[in-house]
């Protein structure tokens, strides 16, 4: 979603702009949560809208459905919300954010991790060169 100062003006909201939700790696979500954020709300373009029509679908699959590059099992998925709304839907956007805040308020407070390194989760693979 393009930068929108209205989002940044909401209390307790910090914004980061990315080109497409499909480019958001789940390790970024984990690091934000481990740094102490109560939650991560990802506002995406509506599904199937140009130019990144599949991005929201793939992000949702990685966060909630264990698609490759999935959100690590150690991350509380209740602290992540994804909403596909166009910027012109400001009342719907604020309603989604407020709903997410209420869900977060019902959870135990977040304690930031002392060590923010994610660690190596992948096994090394041998590179095979073809002649």
N, C-alpha and C. Protein backbone atom coordinates (compact mmCIF):
# COMPACT_ATOMS: atom_id res chain seq x y z
N UNK A 1 0.85 -1.17 0.00
CA UNK A 1 0.00 0.00 0.00
C UNK A 1 0.89 1.23 0.00
N UNK A 2 0.56 2.19 -0.81
CA UNK A 2 1.33 3.43 -0.84
C UNK A 2 1.23 4.11 0.52
N UNK A 3 2.23 4.90 0.85
CA UNK A 3 2.28 5.58 2.13
C UNK A 3 1.03 6.44 2.32
N UNK A 4 0.46 6.38 3.49
CA UNK A 4 -0.72 7.16 3.80
C UNK A 4 -0.53 7.73 5.20
N UNK A 5 -0.40 9.05 5.29
CA UNK A 5 -0.14 9.69 6.57
C UNK A 5 -1.26 9.47 7.57
N UNK A 6 -2.47 9.17 7.09
CA UNK A 6 -3.57 8.91 8.02
C UNK A 6 -3.30 7.67 8.87
N UNK A 7 -2.70 6.64 8.26
CA UNK A 7 -2.36 5.44 9.03
C UNK A 7 -1.34 5.76 10.09
N UNK A 8 -0.30 6.48 9.72
CA UNK A 8 0.77 6.81 10.66
C UNK A 8 0.27 7.71 11.79
N UNK A 9 -0.81 8.43 11.57
CA UNK A 9 -1.33 9.33 12.60
C UNK A 9 -2.18 8.60 13.65
N UNK A 10 -2.52 7.35 13.40
CA UNK A 10 -3.30 6.60 14.38
C UNK A 10 -2.44 6.28 15.61
N UNK A 11 -2.98 6.39 16.80
CA UNK A 11 -2.19 6.11 18.01
C UNK A 11 -1.64 4.68 18.02
N UNK A 12 -0.36 4.57 18.33
CA UNK A 12 0.26 3.26 18.45
C UNK A 12 0.56 2.56 17.14
N UNK A 13 0.41 3.26 16.02
CA UNK A 13 0.64 2.65 14.72
C UNK A 13 1.95 3.17 14.13
N UNK A 14 2.80 2.26 13.74
CA UNK A 14 4.01 2.59 12.98
C UNK A 14 3.84 1.96 11.61
N UNK A 15 4.16 2.69 10.56
CA UNK A 15 3.93 2.17 9.22
C UNK A 15 5.25 1.93 8.48
N UNK A 16 5.20 0.96 7.62
CA UNK A 16 6.29 0.67 6.68
C UNK A 16 5.64 0.38 5.34
N UNK A 17 6.18 0.93 4.30
CA UNK A 17 5.61 0.75 2.97
C UNK A 17 6.43 -0.27 2.20
N UNK A 18 5.75 -1.19 1.56
CA UNK A 18 6.40 -2.15 0.67
C UNK A 18 5.66 -2.13 -0.66
N UNK A 19 6.34 -2.58 -1.70
CA UNK A 19 5.73 -2.54 -3.03
C UNK A 19 4.54 -3.48 -3.14
N UNK A 20 4.66 -4.67 -2.56
CA UNK A 20 3.60 -5.67 -2.66
C UNK A 20 3.62 -6.54 -1.42
N UNK A 21 2.47 -6.89 -0.92
CA UNK A 21 2.39 -7.76 0.26
C UNK A 21 3.06 -9.11 0.00
N UNK A 22 3.07 -9.53 -1.24
CA UNK A 22 3.73 -10.78 -1.58
C UNK A 22 5.23 -10.73 -1.38
N UNK A 23 5.80 -9.52 -1.28
CA UNK A 23 7.23 -9.36 -1.04
C UNK A 23 7.57 -9.36 0.44
N UNK A 24 6.59 -9.34 1.30
CA UNK A 24 6.83 -9.29 2.74
C UNK A 24 7.20 -10.68 3.23
N UNK A 25 8.44 -10.83 3.69
CA UNK A 25 8.88 -12.13 4.19
C UNK A 25 8.37 -12.31 5.62
N UNK A 26 7.99 -13.51 5.94
CA UNK A 26 7.43 -13.78 7.26
C UNK A 26 8.44 -13.55 8.38
N UNK A 27 9.74 -13.63 8.08
CA UNK A 27 10.74 -13.36 9.12
C UNK A 27 10.67 -11.91 9.59
N UNK A 28 10.25 -11.00 8.72
CA UNK A 28 10.09 -9.60 9.11
C UNK A 28 8.96 -9.48 10.13
N UNK A 29 7.87 -10.19 9.88
CA UNK A 29 6.75 -10.19 10.83
C UNK A 29 7.23 -10.71 12.17
N UNK A 30 7.96 -11.81 12.15
CA UNK A 30 8.47 -12.38 13.40
C UNK A 30 9.39 -11.41 14.13
N UNK A 31 10.31 -10.78 13.43
CA UNK A 31 11.24 -9.85 14.08
C UNK A 31 10.52 -8.66 14.70
N UNK A 32 9.49 -8.15 14.02
CA UNK A 32 8.72 -7.02 14.58
C UNK A 32 8.04 -7.46 15.88
N UNK A 33 7.46 -8.64 15.88
CA UNK A 33 6.80 -9.13 17.09
C UNK A 33 7.82 -9.41 18.20
N UNK A 34 8.95 -10.00 17.85
CA UNK A 34 9.97 -10.30 18.85
C UNK A 34 10.59 -9.04 19.43
N UNK A 35 10.53 -7.94 18.68
CA UNK A 35 11.05 -6.66 19.17
C UNK A 35 10.09 -6.01 20.16
N UNK A 36 8.88 -6.56 20.29
CA UNK A 36 7.95 -6.06 21.29
C UNK A 36 6.65 -5.48 20.78
N UNK A 37 6.44 -5.47 19.49
CA UNK A 37 5.16 -4.97 18.96
C UNK A 37 4.04 -5.90 19.42
N UNK A 38 2.91 -5.31 19.76
CA UNK A 38 1.76 -6.12 20.19
C UNK A 38 1.20 -6.93 19.04
N UNK A 39 1.33 -6.40 17.82
CA UNK A 39 0.80 -7.10 16.67
C UNK A 39 1.31 -6.49 15.38
N UNK A 40 1.07 -7.21 14.30
CA UNK A 40 1.43 -6.74 12.96
C UNK A 40 0.16 -6.79 12.11
N UNK A 41 -0.23 -5.63 11.63
CA UNK A 41 -1.40 -5.50 10.77
C UNK A 41 -0.89 -5.17 9.38
N UNK A 42 -1.17 -6.03 8.42
CA UNK A 42 -0.71 -5.81 7.05
C UNK A 42 -1.90 -5.40 6.21
N UNK A 43 -1.85 -4.17 5.73
CA UNK A 43 -2.89 -3.66 4.84
C UNK A 43 -2.42 -3.89 3.41
N UNK A 44 -3.14 -4.73 2.69
CA UNK A 44 -2.75 -5.06 1.32
C UNK A 44 -3.75 -4.47 0.34
N UNK A 45 -3.36 -4.52 -0.91
CA UNK A 45 -4.32 -4.18 -1.97
C UNK A 45 -5.43 -5.23 -1.93
N UNK A 46 -6.58 -4.90 -2.44
CA UNK A 46 -7.64 -5.91 -2.51
C UNK A 46 -7.17 -7.10 -3.36
N UNK A 47 -7.60 -8.29 -3.01
CA UNK A 47 -7.20 -9.47 -3.79
C UNK A 47 -7.49 -9.29 -5.27
N UNK A 48 -6.57 -9.77 -6.08
CA UNK A 48 -6.67 -9.76 -7.54
C UNK A 48 -6.70 -8.37 -8.16
N UNK A 49 -6.22 -7.36 -7.42
CA UNK A 49 -6.15 -6.03 -8.03
C UNK A 49 -4.75 -5.84 -8.62
N UNK A 50 -4.65 -5.12 -9.67
CA UNK A 50 -3.36 -4.87 -10.32
C UNK A 50 -2.57 -3.90 -9.46
N UNK A 51 -1.25 -3.89 -9.50
CA UNK A 51 -0.38 -4.73 -10.31
C UNK A 51 0.06 -6.01 -9.61
N UNK A 52 -0.13 -6.10 -8.32
CA UNK A 52 0.38 -7.25 -7.55
C UNK A 52 -0.77 -8.15 -7.12
N UNK A 53 -1.55 -8.59 -8.03
CA UNK A 53 -2.82 -9.25 -7.76
C UNK A 53 -2.72 -10.50 -6.90
N UNK A 54 -1.61 -11.24 -6.97
CA UNK A 54 -1.49 -12.48 -6.20
C UNK A 54 -0.78 -12.29 -4.86
N UNK A 55 -0.18 -11.13 -4.63
CA UNK A 55 0.60 -10.89 -3.42
C UNK A 55 -0.16 -11.17 -2.12
N UNK A 56 -1.36 -10.58 -1.94
CA UNK A 56 -2.10 -10.84 -0.71
C UNK A 56 -2.42 -12.33 -0.51
N UNK A 57 -2.73 -13.00 -1.59
CA UNK A 57 -3.04 -14.45 -1.52
C UNK A 57 -1.84 -15.23 -1.00
N UNK A 58 -0.64 -14.95 -1.54
CA UNK A 58 0.55 -15.70 -1.13
C UNK A 58 0.96 -15.34 0.29
N UNK A 59 0.84 -14.08 0.66
CA UNK A 59 1.17 -13.70 2.04
C UNK A 59 0.26 -14.43 3.02
N UNK A 60 -1.03 -14.42 2.74
CA UNK A 60 -1.98 -15.11 3.61
C UNK A 60 -1.63 -16.59 3.72
N UNK A 61 -1.28 -17.21 2.61
CA UNK A 61 -0.92 -18.64 2.62
C UNK A 61 0.34 -18.89 3.44
N UNK A 62 1.31 -17.97 3.39
CA UNK A 62 2.53 -18.16 4.17
C UNK A 62 2.30 -17.93 5.65
N UNK A 63 1.43 -17.00 5.99
CA UNK A 63 1.18 -16.70 7.41
C UNK A 63 0.26 -17.74 8.04
N UNK A 64 -0.80 -18.12 7.37
CA UNK A 64 -1.82 -18.94 8.01
C UNK A 64 -1.91 -20.39 7.53
N UNK A 65 -1.39 -20.68 6.34
CA UNK A 65 -1.59 -22.02 5.77
C UNK A 65 -0.30 -22.81 5.54
N UNK A 66 0.79 -22.38 6.16
CA UNK A 66 2.08 -23.09 6.09
C UNK A 66 2.62 -23.27 4.69
N UNK A 67 2.34 -22.33 3.81
CA UNK A 67 2.96 -22.35 2.48
C UNK A 67 4.45 -22.06 2.65
N UNK A 68 5.28 -22.54 1.72
CA UNK A 68 6.72 -22.34 1.80
C UNK A 68 7.06 -20.88 2.12
N UNK A 69 8.08 -20.70 2.96
CA UNK A 69 8.45 -19.42 3.56
C UNK A 69 7.43 -19.05 4.64
N UNK A 70 6.87 -20.08 5.25
CA UNK A 70 5.80 -19.92 6.23
C UNK A 70 6.28 -19.18 7.48
N UNK A 71 5.31 -18.60 8.18
CA UNK A 71 5.57 -17.98 9.46
C UNK A 71 5.93 -19.09 10.45
N UNK A 72 7.03 -18.91 11.16
CA UNK A 72 7.51 -19.94 12.08
C UNK A 72 6.44 -20.30 13.11
N UNK A 73 6.42 -21.57 13.47
CA UNK A 73 5.41 -22.07 14.41
C UNK A 73 5.51 -21.38 15.77
N UNK A 74 6.69 -20.86 16.11
CA UNK A 74 6.88 -20.20 17.40
C UNK A 74 6.18 -18.83 17.48
N UNK A 75 5.69 -18.32 16.35
CA UNK A 75 5.05 -17.01 16.31
C UNK A 75 3.55 -17.18 16.54
N UNK A 76 3.02 -16.37 17.44
CA UNK A 76 1.59 -16.38 17.74
C UNK A 76 0.83 -15.73 16.59
N UNK A 77 0.18 -16.53 15.77
CA UNK A 77 -0.51 -16.02 14.59
C UNK A 77 -1.69 -15.12 14.95
N UNK A 78 -2.14 -15.19 16.18
CA UNK A 78 -3.23 -14.30 16.60
C UNK A 78 -2.76 -12.84 16.61
N UNK A 79 -1.46 -12.63 16.60
CA UNK A 79 -0.89 -11.28 16.62
C UNK A 79 -0.64 -10.72 15.23
N UNK A 80 -1.14 -11.42 14.21
CA UNK A 80 -0.96 -10.99 12.82
C UNK A 80 -2.34 -10.88 12.18
N UNK A 81 -2.56 -9.77 11.50
CA UNK A 81 -3.81 -9.58 10.75
C UNK A 81 -3.47 -9.08 9.36
N UNK A 82 -4.20 -9.58 8.39
CA UNK A 82 -4.03 -9.16 7.00
C UNK A 82 -5.39 -8.71 6.48
N UNK A 83 -5.44 -7.50 5.95
CA UNK A 83 -6.69 -6.98 5.41
C UNK A 83 -6.45 -6.43 4.01
N UNK A 84 -7.22 -6.88 3.06
CA UNK A 84 -7.11 -6.42 1.68
C UNK A 84 -8.16 -5.37 1.38
N UNK A 85 -7.78 -4.11 1.51
CA UNK A 85 -8.71 -2.99 1.29
C UNK A 85 -8.01 -1.88 0.53
N UNK A 86 -8.72 -1.22 -0.33
CA UNK A 86 -8.13 -0.08 -1.04
C UNK A 86 -8.06 1.11 -0.10
N UNK A 87 -7.12 2.01 -0.38
CA UNK A 87 -6.92 3.18 0.49
C UNK A 87 -8.15 4.06 0.58
N UNK A 88 -9.02 4.00 -0.40
CA UNK A 88 -10.23 4.81 -0.38
C UNK A 88 -11.27 4.32 0.61
N UNK A 89 -11.06 3.18 1.19
CA UNK A 89 -12.01 2.58 2.14
C UNK A 89 -11.60 2.91 3.58
N UNK A 90 -11.32 4.18 3.84
CA UNK A 90 -10.80 4.57 5.15
C UNK A 90 -11.66 4.10 6.33
N UNK A 91 -12.98 4.24 6.32
CA UNK A 91 -13.77 3.74 7.46
C UNK A 91 -13.59 2.23 7.68
N UNK A 92 -13.51 1.46 6.61
CA UNK A 92 -13.31 0.01 6.74
C UNK A 92 -11.92 -0.30 7.27
N UNK A 93 -10.93 0.47 6.83
CA UNK A 93 -9.55 0.28 7.31
C UNK A 93 -9.47 0.53 8.80
N UNK A 94 -10.01 1.66 9.25
CA UNK A 94 -9.94 1.97 10.67
C UNK A 94 -10.75 0.97 11.50
N UNK A 95 -11.85 0.50 10.97
CA UNK A 95 -12.64 -0.52 11.69
C UNK A 95 -11.85 -1.81 11.83
N UNK A 96 -11.13 -2.23 10.77
CA UNK A 96 -10.30 -3.45 10.84
C UNK A 96 -9.18 -3.28 11.87
N UNK A 97 -8.54 -2.11 11.86
CA UNK A 97 -7.46 -1.86 12.82
C UNK A 97 -7.99 -1.88 14.24
N UNK A 98 -9.11 -1.25 14.48
CA UNK A 98 -9.69 -1.23 15.84
C UNK A 98 -10.12 -2.63 16.28
N UNK A 99 -10.66 -3.41 15.38
CA UNK A 99 -11.02 -4.79 15.70
C UNK A 99 -9.77 -5.59 16.08
N UNK A 100 -8.71 -5.40 15.33
CA UNK A 100 -7.44 -6.08 15.62
C UNK A 100 -6.91 -5.64 16.98
N UNK A 101 -6.98 -4.34 17.29
CA UNK A 101 -6.54 -3.85 18.61
C UNK A 101 -7.30 -4.54 19.74
N UNK A 102 -8.60 -4.68 19.57
CA UNK A 102 -9.41 -5.33 20.62
C UNK A 102 -8.98 -6.78 20.80
N UNK A 103 -8.70 -7.48 19.69
CA UNK A 103 -8.23 -8.87 19.80
C UNK A 103 -6.87 -8.93 20.51
N UNK A 104 -6.00 -7.97 20.20
CA UNK A 104 -4.69 -7.94 20.86
C UNK A 104 -4.81 -7.62 22.34
N UNK A 105 -5.73 -6.72 22.68
CA UNK A 105 -5.93 -6.36 24.09
C UNK A 105 -6.34 -7.56 24.93
N UNK A 106 -6.98 -8.53 24.33
CA UNK A 106 -7.42 -9.73 25.05
C UNK A 106 -6.27 -10.72 25.29
N UNK A 107 -5.14 -10.51 24.62
CA UNK A 107 -3.99 -11.41 24.78
C UNK A 107 -3.07 -10.90 25.87
N UNK A 108 -2.21 -11.77 26.38
CA UNK A 108 -1.22 -11.38 27.38
C UNK A 108 -0.27 -10.34 26.77
N UNK A 109 0.25 -9.43 27.59
CA UNK A 109 1.19 -8.43 27.07
C UNK A 109 2.43 -9.10 26.46
N UNK A 110 3.02 -8.41 25.50
CA UNK A 110 4.22 -8.91 24.83
C UNK A 110 5.45 -8.52 25.62
N UNK A 111 6.36 -9.47 25.76
CA UNK A 111 7.66 -9.19 26.37
C UNK A 111 8.68 -9.30 25.24
N UNK A 112 9.39 -8.20 24.94
CA UNK A 112 10.36 -8.27 23.84
C UNK A 112 11.42 -9.34 24.11
N UNK A 113 11.83 -10.01 23.05
CA UNK A 113 12.85 -11.05 23.15
C UNK A 113 14.20 -10.41 23.41
N UNK A 114 15.01 -11.03 24.27
CA UNK A 114 16.35 -10.53 24.55
C UNK A 114 17.25 -10.71 23.33
N UNK A 115 17.05 -11.81 22.61
CA UNK A 115 17.86 -12.12 21.44
C UNK A 115 16.96 -12.09 20.22
N UNK A 116 17.20 -11.13 19.34
CA UNK A 116 16.34 -10.98 18.17
C UNK A 116 16.81 -11.78 16.97
N UNK A 117 17.87 -12.56 17.13
CA UNK A 117 18.30 -13.36 15.99
C UNK A 117 17.29 -14.48 15.77
N UNK A 118 16.94 -14.70 14.54
CA UNK A 118 15.94 -15.71 14.21
C UNK A 118 16.55 -17.10 14.25
N UNK A 119 17.81 -17.20 13.95
CA UNK A 119 18.45 -18.51 13.95
C UNK A 119 18.34 -19.16 12.58
N UNK A 120 19.15 -20.17 12.39
CA UNK A 120 19.16 -20.88 11.12
C UNK A 120 18.15 -22.00 11.17
N UNK A 121 17.17 -21.93 10.29
CA UNK A 121 16.12 -22.94 10.24
C UNK A 121 16.31 -23.87 9.05
N UNK A 122 17.12 -23.46 8.08
CA UNK A 122 17.27 -24.23 6.85
C UNK A 122 18.49 -25.13 6.94
N UNK A 123 18.38 -26.27 6.35
CA UNK A 123 19.52 -27.16 6.26
C UNK A 123 20.33 -26.79 5.03
N UNK A 124 21.69 -26.81 5.15
CA UNK A 124 22.49 -26.48 3.97
C UNK A 124 22.28 -27.52 2.87
N UNK A 125 22.28 -27.05 1.64
CA UNK A 125 22.13 -27.91 0.48
C UNK A 125 23.40 -27.87 -0.34
N UNK A 126 23.78 -29.00 -0.90
CA UNK A 126 24.94 -29.06 -1.80
C UNK A 126 24.55 -28.45 -3.13
N UNK A 127 25.49 -27.68 -3.66
CA UNK A 127 25.27 -27.09 -4.97
C UNK A 127 25.79 -28.08 -5.99
N UNK A 128 24.96 -28.43 -6.93
CA UNK A 128 25.34 -29.37 -7.97
C UNK A 128 25.49 -28.60 -9.28
N UNK A 129 26.67 -28.67 -9.83
CA UNK A 129 26.90 -27.98 -11.10
C UNK A 129 26.69 -28.96 -12.24
N UNK A 130 26.01 -28.50 -13.26
CA UNK A 130 25.79 -29.33 -14.45
C UNK A 130 26.81 -28.96 -15.52
N UNK A 131 27.41 -29.97 -16.11
CA UNK A 131 28.44 -29.71 -17.13
C UNK A 131 27.84 -29.35 -18.45
